[in-house]
Amino acid sequence: MVLVSCVSGCTQPTPTTGPDEGKDGQGITVIDSKGNMINLSEPARRIIVTNSDAAEVLIAIGAKDTIIGVSNTVKNNPLLSGLLADVEDIGDWQNPNMEKIVQLQPDVVIVYSSWQPKNIDQFEAANITIVASDCYKMYTLTSDIKSMGVLTGKEEKANEFAKFLDDNMELVRVRTANITEAEKPDVYWEQNAAYSTAGNGSGGDTLVIMAGGINIAGGESGSYPKVSAEWVLDKNPDVIIKTASTTTASIENMTLIRNDLMGREGMPKVDAVKNDRVYVGSQAIMFGPKGVVGLLYTAKIIHPDLFADVDPVKVLDEYAQKYVDGANKGAFIYPNP
């Protein structure tokens, strides 16, 4: 999460209300996710991004033209690569090319708060301003978006985008508010690798909880604990959701992934498999700015009756039409809930 405020004459913002706007030549102060205070004389006009989620947010709020350099993860992203084809590649996100970065003369470089470049000390030595902003965590996503709006002077579009996402999250919150613990299905969430699941506080854990389910790995240690076939069989989940890589997601691949999972040793005995409640979803919609679409799909999977009238495809189409062109192209879920 990033908090942004004016240097003077403004009220200190909170994550729930969003940042205030700097006007009349006043500088802006960014308090990033690491607790660092960054002072800028004006909104950033030259931005390098190593965080693909932040890059997507910048595009969504109309600040695409401020992006002058991106990491290889952004360049290799199926959606962003086309939208930012002419932007300079500054190399690996963990060890970006400092010579290129210095030559580009950025106002700021945006990185993840949890996974910063290994050569971060070189940024400091070169007097390059770092802003740590995640733009992928569901609970702080809209606050991050509003902050990016102030950082770039795109407050109006950022507030509109944040409201679009929050309205859809609120729909899920309202419909799941009165679900009892007994009515919450047990859900096994699996990452790309077999038996790599979602621990407490992870993205998958957040989606399952917000959608009205119980994450059976919520009590395991670590964000992505490794479990076993015996563990899954013992937990006997009602629902299984597995993610597929953004770069390889297709109906054909997701079908193969699903069939492979359901055919593993012991899996035919699991209720989710017996009742055909096994789903594969692309990471493209499960995490990041489009995570609200993944939330809607997760809610439909977990509580099909409660969300029978909800169409995540329409939400994704609106996302693509209003904010990020092409975001609705591709395969995102199999089978369709």
C-alpha atoms as a PDB file:
ATOM      1  CA  MET A   1       0.000   0.000   0.000  1.00  0.00           C
ATOM      2  CA  VAL A   2       1.186   3.553  -0.716  1.00  0.00           C
ATOM      3  CA  LEU A   3      -0.170   6.619   1.033  1.00  0.00           C
ATOM      4  CA  VAL A   4       0.140  10.009  -0.656  1.00  0.00           C
ATOM      5  CA  SER A   5      -0.517  13.441   0.793  1.00  0.00           C
ATOM      6  CA  CYS A   6       0.159  17.077   0.013  1.00  0.00           C
ATOM      7  CA  VAL A   7       3.148  18.760   1.582  1.00  0.00           C
ATOM      8  CA  SER A   8       0.891  21.450   3.017  1.00  0.00           C
ATOM      9  CA  GLY A   9      -2.743  22.417   3.220  1.00  0.00           C
ATOM     10  CA  CYS A  10      -4.149  18.895   2.955  1.00  0.00           C
ATOM     11  CA  THR A  11      -5.517  16.383   5.416  1.00  0.00           C
ATOM     12  CA  GLN A  12      -3.439  13.253   5.971  1.00  0.00           C
ATOM     13  CA  PRO A  13      -5.216  10.432   4.078  1.00  0.00           C
ATOM     14  CA  THR A  14      -6.120   6.978   5.276  1.00  0.00           C
ATOM     15  CA  PRO A  15      -6.111   3.736   3.262  1.00  0.00           C
ATOM     16  CA  THR A  16      -9.912   3.668   3.246  1.00  0.00           C
ATOM     17  CA  THR A  17     -10.565   7.200   2.030  1.00  0.00           C
ATOM     18  CA  GLY A  18      -7.659   7.499  -0.371  1.00  0.00           C
ATOM     19  CA  PRO A  19      -5.151  10.308  -0.866  1.00  0.00           C
ATOM     20  CA  ASP A  20      -5.799  14.010  -1.339  1.00  0.00           C
ATOM     21  CA  GLU A  21      -4.696  15.895  -4.405  1.00  0.00           C
ATOM     22  CA  GLY A  22      -1.728  18.256  -4.570  1.00  0.00           C
ATOM     23  CA  LYS A  23      -2.646  21.508  -6.335  1.00  0.00           C
ATOM     24  CA  ASP A  24      -1.292  24.926  -7.258  1.00  0.00           C
ATOM     25  CA  GLY A  25       2.299  23.807  -7.567  1.00  0.00           C
ATOM     26  CA  GLN A  26       2.453  22.230  -4.150  1.00  0.00           C
ATOM     27  CA  GLY A  27       4.747  19.260  -3.842  1.00  0.00           C
ATOM     28  CA  ILE A  28       3.507  15.796  -3.038  1.00  0.00           C
ATOM     29  CA  THR A  29       4.713  13.371  -0.420  1.00  0.00           C
ATOM     30  CA  VAL A  30       4.515   9.640  -0.939  1.00  0.00           C
ATOM     31  CA  ILE A  31       4.719   7.338   2.082  1.00  0.00           C
ATOM     32  CA  ASP A  32       5.365   3.977   0.501  1.00  0.00           C
ATOM     33  CA  SER A  33       4.762   0.436   1.708  1.00  0.00           C
ATOM     34  CA  LYS A  34       8.184   0.337   3.343  1.00  0.00           C
ATOM     35  CA  GLY A  35       7.356   3.426   5.387  1.00  0.00           C
ATOM     36  CA  ASN A  36       9.697   5.675   3.402  1.00  0.00           C
ATOM     37  CA  MET A  37       8.654   9.273   2.772  1.00  0.00           C
ATOM     38  CA  ILE A  38       9.312  10.491  -0.760  1.00  0.00           C
ATOM     39  CA  ASN A  39       8.941  14.179  -1.629  1.00  0.00           C
ATOM     40  CA  LEU A  40       8.313  15.217  -5.229  1.00  0.00           C
ATOM     41  CA  SER A  41       8.000  18.788  -6.480  1.00  0.00           C
ATOM     42  CA  GLU A  42       5.306  17.722  -8.954  1.00  0.00           C
ATOM     43  CA  PRO A  43       3.554  14.545 -10.182  1.00  0.00           C
ATOM     44  CA  ALA A  44       5.927  12.017 -11.727  1.00  0.00           C
ATOM     45  CA  ARG A  45       6.260  12.290 -15.497  1.00  0.00           C
ATOM     46  CA  ARG A  46       9.036   9.739 -16.077  1.00  0.00           C
ATOM     47  CA  ILE A  47       8.444   6.369 -14.403  1.00  0.00           C
ATOM     48  CA  ILE A  48      10.280   3.060 -14.548  1.00  0.00           C
ATOM     49  CA  VAL A  49       8.277   0.043 -13.355  1.00  0.00           C
ATOM     50  CA  THR A  50       9.615  -3.352 -12.287  1.00  0.00           C
ATOM     51  CA  ASN A  51       6.196  -4.323 -10.898  1.00  0.00           C
ATOM     52  CA  SER A  52       3.847  -5.611 -13.633  1.00  0.00           C
ATOM     53  CA  ASP A  53       0.765  -5.013 -11.473  1.00  0.00           C
ATOM     54  CA  ALA A  54       1.715  -1.370 -10.950  1.00  0.00           C
ATOM     55  CA  ALA A  55       2.347  -1.056 -14.694  1.00  0.00           C
ATOM     56  CA  GLU A  56      -1.185  -2.294 -15.385  1.00  0.00           C
ATOM     57  CA  VAL A  57      -2.600   0.176 -12.872  1.00  0.00           C
ATOM     58  CA  LEU A  58      -0.728   3.056 -14.515  1.00  0.00           C
ATOM     59  CA  ILE A  59      -2.213   2.075 -17.871  1.00  0.00           C
ATOM     60  CA  ALA A  60      -5.695   1.744 -16.357  1.00  0.00           C
ATOM     61  CA  ILE A  61      -5.650   5.254 -14.885  1.00  0.00           C
ATOM     62  CA  GLY A  62      -4.430   6.899 -18.078  1.00  0.00           C
ATOM     63  CA  ALA A  63      -0.785   7.284 -17.034  1.00  0.00           C
ATOM     64  CA  LYS A  64       0.667   4.973 -19.681  1.00  0.00           C
ATOM     65  CA  ASP A  65       2.662   7.817 -21.238  1.00  0.00           C
ATOM     66  CA  THR A  66       4.601   8.285 -18.001  1.00  0.00           C
ATOM     67  CA  ILE A  67       6.155   4.812 -18.313  1.00  0.00           C
ATOM     68  CA  ILE A  68       9.614   5.094 -19.873  1.00  0.00           C
ATOM     69  CA  GLY A  69      11.114   1.777 -18.775  1.00  0.00           C
ATOM     70  CA  VAL A  70       9.988  -1.641 -17.558  1.00  0.00           C
ATOM     71  CA  SER A  71      11.518  -4.890 -16.327  1.00  0.00           C
ATOM     72  CA  ASN A  72      11.585  -8.175 -18.224  1.00  0.00           C
ATOM     73  CA  THR A  73       8.549  -9.424 -16.280  1.00  0.00           C
ATOM     74  CA  VAL A  74       6.502  -6.568 -17.722  1.00  0.00           C
ATOM     75  CA  LYS A  75       7.923  -7.106 -21.210  1.00  0.00           C
ATOM     76  CA  ASN A  76       7.077 -10.824 -21.015  1.00  0.00           C
ATOM     77  CA  ASN A  77       3.552 -10.287 -19.714  1.00  0.00           C
ATOM     78  CA  PRO A  78       1.120 -11.362 -22.483  1.00  0.00           C
ATOM     79  CA  LEU A  79      -1.144  -8.353 -21.920  1.00  0.00           C
ATOM     80  CA  LEU A  80       1.384  -5.633 -21.144  1.00  0.00           C
ATOM     81  CA  SER A  81       4.004  -6.547 -23.743  1.00  0.00           C
ATOM     82  CA  GLY A  82       1.863  -5.243 -26.594  1.00  0.00           C
ATOM     83  CA  LEU A  83       0.701  -2.146 -24.754  1.00  0.00           C
ATOM     84  CA  LEU A  84       4.259  -1.194 -23.780  1.00  0.00           C
ATOM     85  CA  ALA A  85       6.120  -2.520 -26.818  1.00  0.00           C
ATOM     86  CA  ASP A  86       8.032   0.731 -27.408  1.00  0.00           C
ATOM     87  CA  VAL A  87       9.108   1.194 -23.794  1.00  0.00           C
ATOM     88  CA  GLU A  88      12.746   0.571 -22.845  1.00  0.00           C
ATOM     89  CA  ASP A  89      13.579  -2.826 -21.324  1.00  0.00           C
ATOM     90  CA  ILE A  90      15.722  -2.317 -18.208  1.00  0.00           C
ATOM     91  CA  GLY A  91      16.354  -6.032 -17.723  1.00  0.00           C
ATOM     92  CA  ASP A  92      15.715  -8.446 -14.899  1.00  0.00           C
ATOM     93  CA  TRP A  93      13.382  -7.156 -12.199  1.00  0.00           C
ATOM     94  CA  GLN A  94      15.675  -8.502  -9.483  1.00  0.00           C
ATOM     95  CA  ASN A  95      18.878  -7.099 -10.997  1.00  0.00           C
ATOM     96  CA  PRO A  96      17.865  -4.307 -13.384  1.00  0.00           C
ATOM     97  CA  ASN A  97      20.415  -2.623 -15.623  1.00  0.00           C
ATOM     98  CA  MET A  98      21.516   0.415 -13.632  1.00  0.00           C
ATOM     99  CA  GLU A  99      23.297   1.994 -16.591  1.00  0.00           C
ATOM    100  CA  LYS A 100      20.057   2.042 -18.597  1.00  0.00           C
ATOM    101  CA  ILE A 101      18.083   3.304 -15.624  1.00  0.00           C
ATOM    102  CA  VAL A 102      20.476   6.202 -15.033  1.00  0.00           C
ATOM    103  CA  GLN A 103      20.393   7.101 -18.735  1.00  0.00           C
ATOM    104  CA  LEU A 104      16.574   7.201 -18.707  1.00  0.00           C
ATOM    105  CA  GLN A 105      16.568   9.755 -15.854  1.00  0.00           C
ATOM    106  CA  PRO A 106      13.348   8.601 -14.161  1.00  0.00           C
ATOM    107  CA  ASP A 107      11.475  10.674 -11.601  1.00  0.00           C
ATOM    108  CA  VAL A 108      10.702   7.457  -9.716  1.00  0.00           C
ATOM    109  CA  VAL A 109      11.131   3.701 -10.021  1.00  0.00           C
ATOM    110  CA  ILE A 110       8.160   1.631  -8.815  1.00  0.00           C
ATOM    111  CA  VAL A 111       8.908  -1.775  -7.279  1.00  0.00           C
ATOM    112  CA  TYR A 112       7.062  -4.361  -5.194  1.00  0.00           C
ATOM    113  CA  SER A 113       7.324  -3.775  -1.453  1.00  0.00           C
ATOM    114  CA  SER A 114       8.007  -7.433  -0.646  1.00  0.00           C
ATOM    115  CA  TRP A 115      10.337  -8.230  -3.545  1.00  0.00           C
ATOM    116  CA  GLN A 116      12.690  -5.347  -4.140  1.00  0.00           C
ATOM    117  CA  PRO A 117      15.659  -5.405  -6.537  1.00  0.00           C
ATOM    118  CA  LYS A 118      18.752  -7.105  -5.132  1.00  0.00           C
ATOM    119  CA  ASN A 119      20.839  -4.119  -6.203  1.00  0.00           C
ATOM    120  CA  ILE A 120      18.656  -1.633  -4.319  1.00  0.00           C
ATOM    121  CA  ASP A 121      21.790  -0.046  -2.810  1.00  0.00           C
ATOM    122  CA  GLN A 122      22.850   1.015  -6.313  1.00  0.00           C
ATOM    123  CA  PHE A 123      19.622   2.991  -6.682  1.00  0.00           C
ATOM    124  CA  GLU A 124      20.422   4.850  -3.485  1.00  0.00           C
ATOM    125  CA  ALA A 125      23.993   5.496  -4.603  1.00  0.00           C
ATOM    126  CA  ALA A 126      22.705   6.907  -7.910  1.00  0.00           C
ATOM    127  CA  ASN A 127      20.183   9.106  -6.057  1.00  0.00           C
ATOM    128  CA  ILE A 128      17.250   7.412  -7.819  1.00  0.00           C
ATOM    129  CA  THR A 129      13.894   7.618  -6.056  1.00  0.00           C
ATOM    130  CA  ILE A 130      12.209   4.298  -5.252  1.00  0.00           C
ATOM    131  CA  VAL A 131       8.468   3.910  -4.582  1.00  0.00           C
ATOM    132  CA  ALA A 132       7.331   0.547  -3.192  1.00  0.00           C
ATOM    133  CA  SER A 133       3.751  -0.194  -4.252  1.00  0.00           C
ATOM    134  CA  ASP A 134       2.185  -3.641  -4.579  1.00  0.00           C
ATOM    135  CA  CYS A 135      -1.049  -3.082  -6.564  1.00  0.00           C
ATOM    136  CA  TYR A 136      -2.007  -6.750  -6.218  1.00  0.00           C
ATOM    137  CA  LYS A 137      -3.246  -7.291  -2.655  1.00  0.00           C
ATOM    138  CA  MET A 138      -7.048  -7.283  -2.586  1.00  0.00           C
ATOM    139  CA  TYR A 139      -7.347  -5.520   0.763  1.00  0.00           C
ATOM    140  CA  THR A 140      -5.120  -2.589  -0.255  1.00  0.00           C
ATOM    141  CA  LEU A 141      -5.591  -2.553  -4.034  1.00  0.00           C
ATOM    142  CA  THR A 142      -7.968   0.411  -4.285  1.00  0.00           C
ATOM    143  CA  SER A 143      -5.826   2.477  -1.922  1.00  0.00           C
ATOM    144  CA  ASP A 144      -2.764   1.692  -4.048  1.00  0.00           C
ATOM    145  CA  ILE A 145      -4.645   2.762  -7.173  1.00  0.00           C
ATOM    146  CA  LYS A 146      -5.668   6.096  -5.670  1.00  0.00           C
ATOM    147  CA  SER A 147      -2.096   6.674  -4.575  1.00  0.00           C
ATOM    148  CA  MET A 148      -0.829   6.002  -8.095  1.00  0.00           C
ATOM    149  CA  GLY A 149      -3.354   8.590  -9.252  1.00  0.00           C
ATOM    150  CA  VAL A 150      -1.855  11.260  -7.030  1.00  0.00           C
ATOM    151  CA  LEU A 151       1.687  10.212  -7.896  1.00  0.00           C
ATOM    152  CA  THR A 152       0.946  10.788 -11.601  1.00  0.00           C
ATOM    153  CA  GLY A 153      -1.663  13.561 -11.409  1.00  0.00           C
ATOM    154  CA  LYS A 154      -4.402  11.194 -12.630  1.00  0.00           C
ATOM    155  CA  GLU A 155      -6.617  11.345  -9.538  1.00  0.00           C
ATOM    156  CA  GLU A 156      -9.989  11.446 -11.294  1.00  0.00           C
ATOM    157  CA  LYS A 157      -9.411   8.365 -13.438  1.00  0.00           C
ATOM    158  CA  ALA A 158      -7.768   6.541 -10.534  1.00  0.00           C
ATOM    159  CA  ASN A 159     -10.748   7.188  -8.271  1.00  0.00           C
ATOM    160  CA  GLU A 160     -13.110   5.969 -10.996  1.00  0.00           C
ATOM    161  CA  PHE A 161     -11.071   2.801 -11.501  1.00  0.00           C
ATOM    162  CA  ALA A 162     -10.885   2.152  -7.765  1.00  0.00           C
ATOM    163  CA  LYS A 163     -14.659   2.543  -7.454  1.00  0.00           C
ATOM    164  CA  PHE A 164     -15.243   0.089 -10.308  1.00  0.00           C
ATOM    165  CA  LEU A 165     -13.200  -2.552  -8.509  1.00  0.00           C
ATOM    166  CA  ASP A 166     -14.592  -1.773  -5.069  1.00  0.00           C
ATOM    167  CA  ASP A 167     -18.201  -1.949  -6.289  1.00  0.00           C
ATOM    168  CA  ASN A 168     -17.614  -5.514  -7.468  1.00  0.00           C
ATOM    169  CA  MET A 169     -15.822  -6.460  -4.260  1.00  0.00           C
ATOM    170  CA  GLU A 170     -18.701  -4.971  -2.277  1.00  0.00           C
ATOM    171  CA  LEU A 171     -21.174  -7.154  -4.187  1.00  0.00           C
ATOM    172  CA  VAL A 172     -19.309 -10.218  -2.930  1.00  0.00           C
ATOM    173  CA  ARG A 173     -19.017  -8.830   0.596  1.00  0.00           C
ATOM    174  CA  VAL A 174     -22.750  -8.159   0.830  1.00  0.00           C
ATOM    175  CA  ARG A 175     -23.849 -11.529  -0.521  1.00  0.00           C
ATOM    176  CA  THR A 176     -21.518 -13.527   1.712  1.00  0.00           C
ATOM    177  CA  ALA A 177     -22.062 -11.449   4.855  1.00  0.00           C
ATOM    178  CA  ASN A 178     -24.654 -13.748   6.432  1.00  0.00           C
ATOM    179  CA  ILE A 179     -23.154 -17.113   5.476  1.00  0.00           C
ATOM    180  CA  THR A 180     -22.655 -19.321   8.531  1.00  0.00           C
ATOM    181  CA  GLU A 181     -19.475 -21.316   9.113  1.00  0.00           C
ATOM    182  CA  ALA A 182     -21.430 -24.505   8.435  1.00  0.00           C
ATOM    183  CA  GLU A 183     -22.416 -23.155   5.007  1.00  0.00           C
ATOM    184  CA  LYS A 184     -18.832 -22.413   3.975  1.00  0.00           C
ATOM    185  CA  PRO A 185     -17.312 -25.140   1.761  1.00  0.00           C
ATOM    186  CA  ASP A 186     -13.793 -26.428   2.412  1.00  0.00           C
ATOM    187  CA  VAL A 187     -11.564 -25.268  -0.434  1.00  0.00           C
ATOM    188  CA  TYR A 188      -8.181 -26.592  -1.539  1.00  0.00           C
ATOM    189  CA  TRP A 189      -6.317 -23.897  -3.483  1.00  0.00           C
ATOM    190  CA  GLU A 190      -3.313 -25.111  -5.473  1.00  0.00           C
ATOM    191  CA  GLN A 191      -0.629 -22.977  -7.088  1.00  0.00           C
ATOM    192  CA  ASN A 192       1.071 -23.878 -10.392  1.00  0.00           C
ATOM    193  CA  ALA A 193       3.229 -26.573  -8.797  1.00  0.00           C
ATOM    194  CA  ALA A 194       1.551 -29.746  -7.562  1.00  0.00           C
ATOM    195  CA  TYR A 195       0.650 -29.640  -3.863  1.00  0.00           C
ATOM    196  CA  SER A 196       1.896 -26.075  -3.443  1.00  0.00           C
ATOM    197  CA  THR A 197      -1.064 -24.479  -1.726  1.00  0.00           C
ATOM    198  CA  ALA A 198      -2.129 -21.116  -0.288  1.00  0.00           C
ATOM    199  CA  GLY A 199      -1.260 -20.363   3.312  1.00  0.00           C
ATOM    200  CA  ASN A 200      -2.626 -17.699   5.612  1.00  0.00           C
ATOM    201  CA  GLY A 201      -2.508 -14.215   4.085  1.00  0.00           C
ATOM    202  CA  SER A 202      -1.632 -15.350   0.559  1.00  0.00           C
ATOM    203  CA  GLY A 203      -3.571 -14.269  -2.514  1.00  0.00           C
ATOM    204  CA  GLY A 204      -5.453 -17.545  -2.823  1.00  0.00           C
ATOM    205  CA  ASP A 205      -6.294 -17.528   0.874  1.00  0.00           C
ATOM    206  CA  THR A 206      -7.686 -14.001   0.547  1.00  0.00           C
ATOM    207  CA  LEU A 207      -9.903 -14.888  -2.425  1.00  0.00           C
ATOM    208  CA  VAL A 208     -11.312 -17.998  -0.744  1.00  0.00           C
ATOM    209  CA  ILE A 209     -12.122 -16.141   2.474  1.00  0.00           C
ATOM    210  CA  MET A 210     -13.640 -13.125   0.699  1.00  0.00           C
ATOM    211  CA  ALA A 211     -15.757 -15.460  -1.454  1.00  0.00           C
ATOM    212  CA  GLY A 212     -17.220 -17.220   1.574  1.00  0.00           C
ATOM    213  CA  GLY A 213     -15.140 -20.372   1.746  1.00  0.00           C
ATOM    214  CA  ILE A 214     -12.745 -22.034   4.183  1.00  0.00           C
ATOM    215  CA  ASN A 215      -9.152 -22.387   3.037  1.00  0.00           C
ATOM    216  CA  ILE A 216      -8.087 -25.816   4.291  1.00  0.00           C
ATOM    217  CA  ALA A 217      -4.434 -24.704   4.260  1.00  0.00           C
ATOM    218  CA  GLY A 218      -5.079 -21.544   6.247  1.00  0.00           C
ATOM    219  CA  GLY A 219      -3.531 -23.047   9.349  1.00  0.00           C
ATOM    220  CA  GLU A 220      -0.352 -24.244   7.654  1.00  0.00           C
ATOM    221  CA  SER A 221       2.906 -22.356   8.145  1.00  0.00           C
ATOM    222  CA  GLY A 222       4.190 -20.129   5.358  1.00  0.00           C
ATOM    223  CA  SER A 223       2.468 -18.311   2.519  1.00  0.00           C
ATOM    224  CA  TYR A 224       2.759 -21.226   0.069  1.00  0.00           C
ATOM    225  CA  PRO A 225       3.143 -24.433   2.097  1.00  0.00           C
ATOM    226  CA  LYS A 226       3.891 -27.717   0.367  1.00  0.00           C
ATOM    227  CA  VAL A 227       1.426 -30.497   1.199  1.00  0.00           C
ATOM    228  CA  SER A 228       0.941 -34.084   0.022  1.00  0.00           C
ATOM    229  CA  ALA A 229      -1.627 -36.334  -1.614  1.00  0.00           C
ATOM    230  CA  GLU A 230      -2.345 -37.881   1.780  1.00  0.00           C
ATOM    231  CA  TRP A 231      -2.891 -34.444   3.295  1.00  0.00           C
ATOM    232  CA  VAL A 232      -5.438 -33.468   0.626  1.00  0.00           C
ATOM    233  CA  LEU A 233      -7.223 -36.807   0.956  1.00  0.00           C
ATOM    234  CA  ASP A 234      -7.407 -36.392   4.725  1.00  0.00           C
ATOM    235  CA  LYS A 235      -8.794 -32.843   4.424  1.00  0.00           C
ATOM    236  CA  ASN A 236     -11.276 -33.997   1.743  1.00  0.00           C
ATOM    237  CA  PRO A 237     -12.133 -30.554   0.306  1.00  0.00           C
ATOM    238  CA  ASP A 238     -15.518 -29.755  -1.217  1.00  0.00           C
ATOM    239  CA  VAL A 239     -13.949 -27.546  -3.896  1.00  0.00           C
ATOM    240  CA  ILE A 240     -10.556 -27.468  -5.624  1.00  0.00           C
ATOM    241  CA  ILE A 241      -9.248 -24.391  -7.433  1.00  0.00           C
ATOM    242  CA  LYS A 242      -5.871 -24.534  -9.200  1.00  0.00           C
ATOM    243  CA  THR A 243      -4.089 -21.666 -10.897  1.00  0.00           C
ATOM    244  CA  ALA A 244      -2.439 -21.835 -14.315  1.00  0.00           C
ATOM    245  CA  SER A 245       0.447 -19.675 -15.487  1.00  0.00           C
ATOM    246  CA  THR A 246      -0.553 -16.482 -17.275  1.00  0.00           C
ATOM    247  CA  THR A 247       1.746 -17.289 -20.190  1.00  0.00           C
ATOM    248  CA  THR A 248       0.407 -20.805 -20.804  1.00  0.00           C
ATOM    249  CA  ALA A 249      -3.292 -20.521 -19.939  1.00  0.00           C
ATOM    250  CA  SER A 250      -5.553 -21.900 -22.672  1.00  0.00           C
ATOM    251  CA  ILE A 251      -8.618 -24.114 -22.612  1.00  0.00           C
ATOM    252  CA  GLU A 252      -6.504 -27.012 -23.886  1.00  0.00           C
ATOM    253  CA  ASN A 253      -3.800 -26.563 -21.246  1.00  0.00           C
ATOM    254  CA  MET A 254      -6.267 -25.970 -18.441  1.00  0.00           C
ATOM    255  CA  THR A 255      -8.132 -29.129 -19.453  1.00  0.00           C
ATOM    256  CA  LEU A 256      -4.884 -31.106 -19.276  1.00  0.00           C
ATOM    257  CA  ILE A 257      -4.010 -29.549 -15.910  1.00  0.00           C
ATOM    258  CA  ARG A 258      -7.450 -30.379 -14.527  1.00  0.00           C
ATOM    259  CA  ASN A 259      -7.388 -33.950 -15.804  1.00  0.00           C
ATOM    260  CA  ASP A 260      -3.906 -34.471 -14.386  1.00  0.00           C
ATOM    261  CA  LEU A 261      -4.949 -33.188 -10.962  1.00  0.00           C
ATOM    262  CA  MET A 262      -8.113 -35.283 -10.849  1.00  0.00           C
ATOM    263  CA  GLY A 263      -6.162 -38.379 -11.865  1.00  0.00           C
ATOM    264  CA  ARG A 264      -3.537 -38.167  -9.137  1.00  0.00           C
ATOM    265  CA  GLU A 265      -3.242 -40.931  -6.583  1.00  0.00           C
ATOM    266  CA  GLY A 266      -6.120 -40.755  -4.116  1.00  0.00           C
ATOM    267  CA  MET A 267      -7.874 -37.825  -5.801  1.00  0.00           C
ATOM    268  CA  PRO A 268     -10.875 -39.833  -7.082  1.00  0.00           C
ATOM    269  CA  LYS A 269     -11.803 -40.330  -3.411  1.00  0.00           C
ATOM    270  CA  VAL A 270     -11.952 -36.583  -2.700  1.00  0.00           C
ATOM    271  CA  ASP A 271     -15.432 -35.021  -2.606  1.00  0.00           C
ATOM    272  CA  ALA A 272     -14.441 -32.164  -4.933  1.00  0.00           C
ATOM    273  CA  VAL A 273     -13.436 -34.669  -7.601  1.00  0.00           C
ATOM    274  CA  LYS A 274     -16.397 -36.987  -7.025  1.00  0.00           C
ATOM    275  CA  ASN A 275     -18.794 -34.039  -7.346  1.00  0.00           C
ATOM    276  CA  ASP A 276     -16.976 -32.476 -10.322  1.00  0.00           C
ATOM    277  CA  ARG A 277     -16.102 -29.283  -8.447  1.00  0.00           C
ATOM    278  CA  VAL A 278     -12.539 -28.895  -9.703  1.00  0.00           C
ATOM    279  CA  TYR A 279     -11.587 -25.685 -11.523  1.00  0.00           C
ATOM    280  CA  VAL A 280      -8.488 -24.222 -13.148  1.00  0.00           C
ATOM    281  CA  GLY A 281      -8.076 -20.457 -13.429  1.00  0.00           C
ATOM    282  CA  SER A 282      -5.463 -18.259 -15.062  1.00  0.00           C
ATOM    283  CA  GLN A 283      -3.284 -16.230 -12.718  1.00  0.00           C
ATOM    284  CA  ALA A 284      -4.050 -13.274 -14.980  1.00  0.00           C
ATOM    285  CA  ILE A 285      -7.440 -12.845 -13.307  1.00  0.00           C
ATOM    286  CA  MET A 286      -6.750 -14.318  -9.897  1.00  0.00           C
ATOM    287  CA  PHE A 287      -4.237 -11.738  -8.722  1.00  0.00           C
ATOM    288  CA  GLY A 288      -3.351  -8.118  -9.444  1.00  0.00           C
ATOM    289  CA  PRO A 289      -5.681  -5.373 -10.688  1.00  0.00           C
ATOM    290  CA  LYS A 290      -7.930  -7.944 -12.427  1.00  0.00           C
ATOM    291  CA  GLY A 291      -8.160  -9.968  -9.218  1.00  0.00           C
ATOM    292  CA  VAL A 292     -11.712  -8.740  -8.736  1.00  0.00           C
ATOM    293  CA  VAL A 293     -12.683 -10.893 -11.733  1.00  0.00           C
ATOM    294  CA  GLY A 294     -11.000 -13.852 -10.056  1.00  0.00           C
ATOM    295  CA  LEU A 295     -12.932 -13.026  -6.891  1.00  0.00           C
ATOM    296  CA  LEU A 296     -16.232 -13.144  -8.791  1.00  0.00           C
ATOM    297  CA  TYR A 297     -15.297 -16.477 -10.374  1.00  0.00           C
ATOM    298  CA  THR A 298     -14.209 -17.849  -6.988  1.00  0.00           C
ATOM    299  CA  ALA A 299     -17.508 -16.743  -5.455  1.00  0.00           C
ATOM    300  CA  LYS A 300     -19.483 -18.425  -8.270  1.00  0.00           C
ATOM    301  CA  ILE A 301     -17.471 -21.614  -7.825  1.00  0.00           C
ATOM    302  CA  ILE A 302     -17.875 -21.723  -4.052  1.00  0.00           C
ATOM    303  CA  HIS A 303     -21.482 -20.484  -3.856  1.00  0.00           C
ATOM    304  CA  PRO A 304     -23.079 -21.101  -7.275  1.00  0.00           C
ATOM    305  CA  ASP A 305     -26.616 -20.379  -6.076  1.00  0.00           C
ATOM    306  CA  LEU A 306     -25.716 -17.062  -4.436  1.00  0.00           C
ATOM    307  CA  PHE A 307     -23.915 -15.797  -7.528  1.00  0.00           C
ATOM    308  CA  ALA A 308     -25.947 -17.412 -10.306  1.00  0.00           C
ATOM    309  CA  ASP A 309     -26.783 -14.005 -11.810  1.00  0.00           C
ATOM    310  CA  VAL A 310     -23.210 -12.686 -11.709  1.00  0.00           C
ATOM    311  CA  ASP A 311     -21.250 -12.742 -14.969  1.00  0.00           C
ATOM    312  CA  PRO A 312     -17.493 -12.216 -14.493  1.00  0.00           C
ATOM    313  CA  VAL A 313     -17.065 -12.116 -18.283  1.00  0.00           C
ATOM    314  CA  LYS A 314     -19.110  -8.911 -18.463  1.00  0.00           C
ATOM    315  CA  VAL A 315     -17.010  -7.368 -15.712  1.00  0.00           C
ATOM    316  CA  LEU A 316     -13.803  -8.305 -17.534  1.00  0.00           C
ATOM    317  CA  ASP A 317     -15.201  -6.909 -20.794  1.00  0.00           C
ATOM    318  CA  GLU A 318     -15.962  -3.615 -19.035  1.00  0.00           C
ATOM    319  CA  TYR A 319     -12.455  -3.621 -17.549  1.00  0.00           C
ATOM    320  CA  ALA A 320     -10.996  -3.990 -21.047  1.00  0.00           C
ATOM    321  CA  GLN A 321     -13.287  -1.378 -22.581  1.00  0.00           C
ATOM    322  CA  LYS A 322     -12.737   1.317 -19.960  1.00  0.00           C
ATOM    323  CA  TYR A 323      -9.284   0.705 -18.529  1.00  0.00           C
ATOM    324  CA  VAL A 324      -6.891  -1.781 -20.157  1.00  0.00           C
ATOM    325  CA  ASP A 325      -7.465  -2.644 -23.798  1.00  0.00           C
ATOM    326  CA  GLY A 326      -7.155  -6.358 -24.552  1.00  0.00           C
ATOM    327  CA  ALA A 327      -7.494  -7.472 -20.930  1.00  0.00           C
ATOM    328  CA  ASN A 328     -10.401  -9.734 -21.914  1.00  0.00           C
ATOM    329  CA  LYS A 329      -8.500 -11.622 -24.611  1.00  0.00           C
ATOM    330  CA  GLY A 330      -7.610 -15.209 -23.781  1.00  0.00           C
ATOM    331  CA  ALA A 331      -8.795 -18.149 -21.696  1.00  0.00           C
ATOM    332  CA  PHE A 332      -9.276 -17.539 -17.996  1.00  0.00           C
ATOM    333  CA  ILE A 333     -11.270 -20.352 -16.357  1.00  0.00           C
ATOM    334  CA  TYR A 334     -12.115 -24.004 -16.966  1.00  0.00           C
ATOM    335  CA  PRO A 335     -14.718 -25.306 -16.712  1.00  0.00           C
ATOM    336  CA  ASN A 336     -16.999 -22.297 -16.702  1.00  0.00           C
ATOM    337  CA  PRO A 337     -18.826 -22.203 -13.330  1.00  0.00           C
END
